[in-house]
Amino acid sequence: MSVQINWQKSSFSDTGAQCVEVAERGGAIVVRESDDPNVVATTSRAKFAAFIAGVKAGEFDHFAK
């Protein structure tokens, strides 16, 4: 029996556009690209929180240019 995962994407993603999706699974955070859903990266809540803090601080803005 497989466990249902409720994937969430940013409200900034266009409807129907490919995007990054995030979910919680067994206490860990899982991340995938919607156009390649079989490839999933897993990380801890603490590491994901540190990443989000870096995003908010602008540390990764150069990747979006």
N, C-alpha and C. Protein backbone atom coordinates (compact mmCIF):
# COMPACT_ATOMS: atom_id res chain seq x y z
N MET A 1 0.83 -1.17 0.00
CA MET A 1 0.00 0.00 0.00
C MET A 1 0.89 1.25 0.00
N SER A 2 0.66 2.17 -0.92
CA SER A 2 1.46 3.38 -0.99
C SER A 2 0.83 4.50 -0.15
N VAL A 3 1.69 5.36 0.35
CA VAL A 3 1.26 6.48 1.17
C VAL A 3 0.98 7.67 0.27
N GLN A 4 -0.14 8.33 0.48
CA GLN A 4 -0.49 9.52 -0.29
C GLN A 4 0.40 10.69 0.16
N ILE A 5 1.05 11.34 -0.79
CA ILE A 5 1.87 12.51 -0.49
C ILE A 5 1.16 13.73 -1.07
N ASN A 6 0.97 14.75 -0.25
CA ASN A 6 0.30 15.97 -0.70
C ASN A 6 1.35 17.00 -1.11
N TRP A 7 1.68 17.02 -2.38
CA TRP A 7 2.68 17.93 -2.92
C TRP A 7 2.13 19.35 -2.94
N GLN A 8 3.00 20.30 -2.66
CA GLN A 8 2.63 21.71 -2.65
C GLN A 8 3.61 22.48 -3.54
N LYS A 9 3.06 23.39 -4.35
CA LYS A 9 3.93 24.24 -5.16
C LYS A 9 3.65 25.69 -4.79
N SER A 10 4.56 26.55 -5.16
CA SER A 10 4.44 27.96 -4.84
C SER A 10 3.25 28.60 -5.53
N SER A 11 2.62 29.52 -4.86
CA SER A 11 1.53 30.28 -5.49
C SER A 11 2.07 31.19 -6.59
N PHE A 12 3.39 31.36 -6.65
CA PHE A 12 4.00 32.16 -7.71
C PHE A 12 4.17 31.37 -9.00
N SER A 13 3.97 30.05 -8.97
CA SER A 13 4.06 29.23 -10.17
C SER A 13 2.84 29.46 -11.03
N ASP A 14 3.07 29.57 -12.33
CA ASP A 14 1.95 29.71 -13.26
C ASP A 14 1.14 28.42 -13.30
N THR A 15 -0.14 28.53 -13.49
CA THR A 15 -0.99 27.35 -13.61
C THR A 15 -0.53 26.54 -14.82
N GLY A 16 -0.28 25.26 -14.61
CA GLY A 16 0.13 24.37 -15.69
C GLY A 16 1.62 24.42 -15.97
N ALA A 17 2.35 25.35 -15.38
CA ALA A 17 3.79 25.46 -15.62
C ALA A 17 4.55 24.41 -14.82
N GLN A 18 5.72 24.06 -15.32
CA GLN A 18 6.58 23.15 -14.58
C GLN A 18 7.13 23.90 -13.37
N CYS A 19 7.25 23.23 -12.25
CA CYS A 19 7.68 23.91 -11.03
C CYS A 19 8.30 22.91 -10.06
N VAL A 20 8.83 23.45 -8.99
CA VAL A 20 9.34 22.64 -7.89
C VAL A 20 8.20 22.42 -6.91
N GLU A 21 8.06 21.19 -6.44
CA GLU A 21 7.01 20.83 -5.48
C GLU A 21 7.66 20.30 -4.21
N VAL A 22 7.03 20.57 -3.08
CA VAL A 22 7.56 20.20 -1.77
C VAL A 22 6.47 19.48 -0.97
N ALA A 23 6.88 18.51 -0.16
CA ALA A 23 5.93 17.80 0.69
C ALA A 23 6.66 17.29 1.94
N GLU A 24 5.88 16.81 2.89
CA GLU A 24 6.41 16.17 4.09
C GLU A 24 6.13 14.68 3.98
N ARG A 25 7.14 13.88 4.29
CA ARG A 25 6.96 12.42 4.26
C ARG A 25 7.76 11.81 5.41
N GLY A 26 7.05 11.28 6.36
CA GLY A 26 7.71 10.59 7.47
C GLY A 26 8.62 11.48 8.30
N GLY A 27 8.27 12.75 8.45
CA GLY A 27 9.08 13.67 9.23
C GLY A 27 10.17 14.36 8.44
N ALA A 28 10.39 13.93 7.20
CA ALA A 28 11.40 14.55 6.34
C ALA A 28 10.71 15.44 5.31
N ILE A 29 11.48 16.28 4.66
CA ILE A 29 10.98 17.12 3.59
C ILE A 29 11.44 16.51 2.27
N VAL A 30 10.53 16.37 1.33
CA VAL A 30 10.85 15.85 0.01
C VAL A 30 10.56 16.93 -1.04
N VAL A 31 11.43 16.97 -2.06
CA VAL A 31 11.34 17.98 -3.10
C VAL A 31 11.46 17.28 -4.45
N ARG A 32 10.67 17.75 -5.43
CA ARG A 32 10.75 17.19 -6.77
C ARG A 32 10.41 18.28 -7.79
N GLU A 33 10.74 18.03 -9.04
CA GLU A 33 10.31 18.89 -10.14
C GLU A 33 9.07 18.25 -10.74
N SER A 34 8.07 19.07 -11.03
CA SER A 34 6.81 18.51 -11.52
C SER A 34 6.96 17.83 -12.87
N ASP A 35 7.96 18.22 -13.68
CA ASP A 35 8.13 17.59 -14.99
C ASP A 35 8.95 16.30 -14.91
N ASP A 36 9.47 15.95 -13.74
CA ASP A 36 10.20 14.70 -13.53
C ASP A 36 9.88 14.17 -12.14
N PRO A 37 8.63 13.80 -11.90
CA PRO A 37 8.16 13.49 -10.54
C PRO A 37 8.76 12.23 -9.92
N ASN A 38 9.45 11.41 -10.68
CA ASN A 38 10.03 10.20 -10.11
C ASN A 38 11.37 10.45 -9.44
N VAL A 39 11.95 11.64 -9.65
CA VAL A 39 13.22 12.00 -9.02
C VAL A 39 12.89 12.88 -7.82
N VAL A 40 13.17 12.37 -6.63
CA VAL A 40 12.80 13.06 -5.39
C VAL A 40 14.04 13.21 -4.51
N ALA A 41 14.27 14.42 -4.03
CA ALA A 41 15.35 14.69 -3.08
C ALA A 41 14.73 14.77 -1.68
N THR A 42 15.43 14.21 -0.70
CA THR A 42 14.95 14.20 0.68
C THR A 42 15.93 14.94 1.56
N THR A 43 15.40 15.75 2.48
CA THR A 43 16.24 16.48 3.42
C THR A 43 15.52 16.58 4.77
N SER A 44 16.24 17.08 5.74
CA SER A 44 15.64 17.24 7.07
C SER A 44 14.90 18.58 7.15
N ARG A 45 14.04 18.70 8.13
CA ARG A 45 13.33 19.97 8.35
C ARG A 45 14.32 21.09 8.66
N ALA A 46 15.35 20.80 9.46
CA ALA A 46 16.34 21.82 9.83
C ALA A 46 17.10 22.31 8.60
N LYS A 47 17.52 21.41 7.74
CA LYS A 47 18.25 21.83 6.53
C LYS A 47 17.34 22.60 5.59
N PHE A 48 16.09 22.18 5.48
CA PHE A 48 15.16 22.89 4.60
C PHE A 48 14.88 24.29 5.17
N ALA A 49 14.75 24.41 6.48
CA ALA A 49 14.54 25.72 7.11
C ALA A 49 15.74 26.63 6.85
N ALA A 50 16.95 26.09 6.91
CA ALA A 50 18.14 26.89 6.62
C ALA A 50 18.15 27.35 5.16
N PHE A 51 17.74 26.47 4.26
CA PHE A 51 17.66 26.83 2.84
C PHE A 51 16.64 27.95 2.64
N ILE A 52 15.47 27.82 3.23
CA ILE A 52 14.43 28.85 3.10
C ILE A 52 14.92 30.18 3.66
N ALA A 53 15.64 30.15 4.77
CA ALA A 53 16.19 31.39 5.33
C ALA A 53 17.16 32.03 4.34
N GLY A 54 17.96 31.22 3.66
CA GLY A 54 18.88 31.74 2.65
C GLY A 54 18.14 32.33 1.47
N VAL A 55 17.06 31.68 1.05
CA VAL A 55 16.24 32.22 -0.04
C VAL A 55 15.67 33.57 0.36
N LYS A 56 15.12 33.66 1.55
CA LYS A 56 14.54 34.92 2.02
C LYS A 56 15.59 36.02 2.13
N ALA A 57 16.84 35.65 2.42
CA ALA A 57 17.91 36.62 2.56
C ALA A 57 18.52 37.01 1.21
N GLY A 58 18.07 36.37 0.13
CA GLY A 58 18.56 36.72 -1.20
C GLY A 58 19.83 36.01 -1.61
N GLU A 59 20.27 35.00 -0.86
CA GLU A 59 21.52 34.31 -1.15
C GLU A 59 21.52 33.58 -2.50
N PHE A 60 20.35 33.26 -3.03
CA PHE A 60 20.27 32.49 -4.26
C PHE A 60 19.67 33.27 -5.42
N ASP A 61 19.52 34.57 -5.26
CA ASP A 61 18.91 35.39 -6.30
C ASP A 61 19.64 35.30 -7.64
N HIS A 62 20.96 35.11 -7.60
CA HIS A 62 21.73 35.06 -8.85
C HIS A 62 21.36 33.84 -9.72
N PHE A 63 20.75 32.83 -9.13
CA PHE A 63 20.31 31.68 -9.92
C PHE A 63 19.06 31.97 -10.74
N ALA A 64 18.33 32.98 -10.36
CA ALA A 64 17.05 33.31 -11.02
C ALA A 64 17.21 34.39 -12.09
N LYS A 65 18.41 34.81 -12.35
CA LYS A 65 18.64 35.89 -13.34
C LYS A 65 18.98 35.32 -14.68
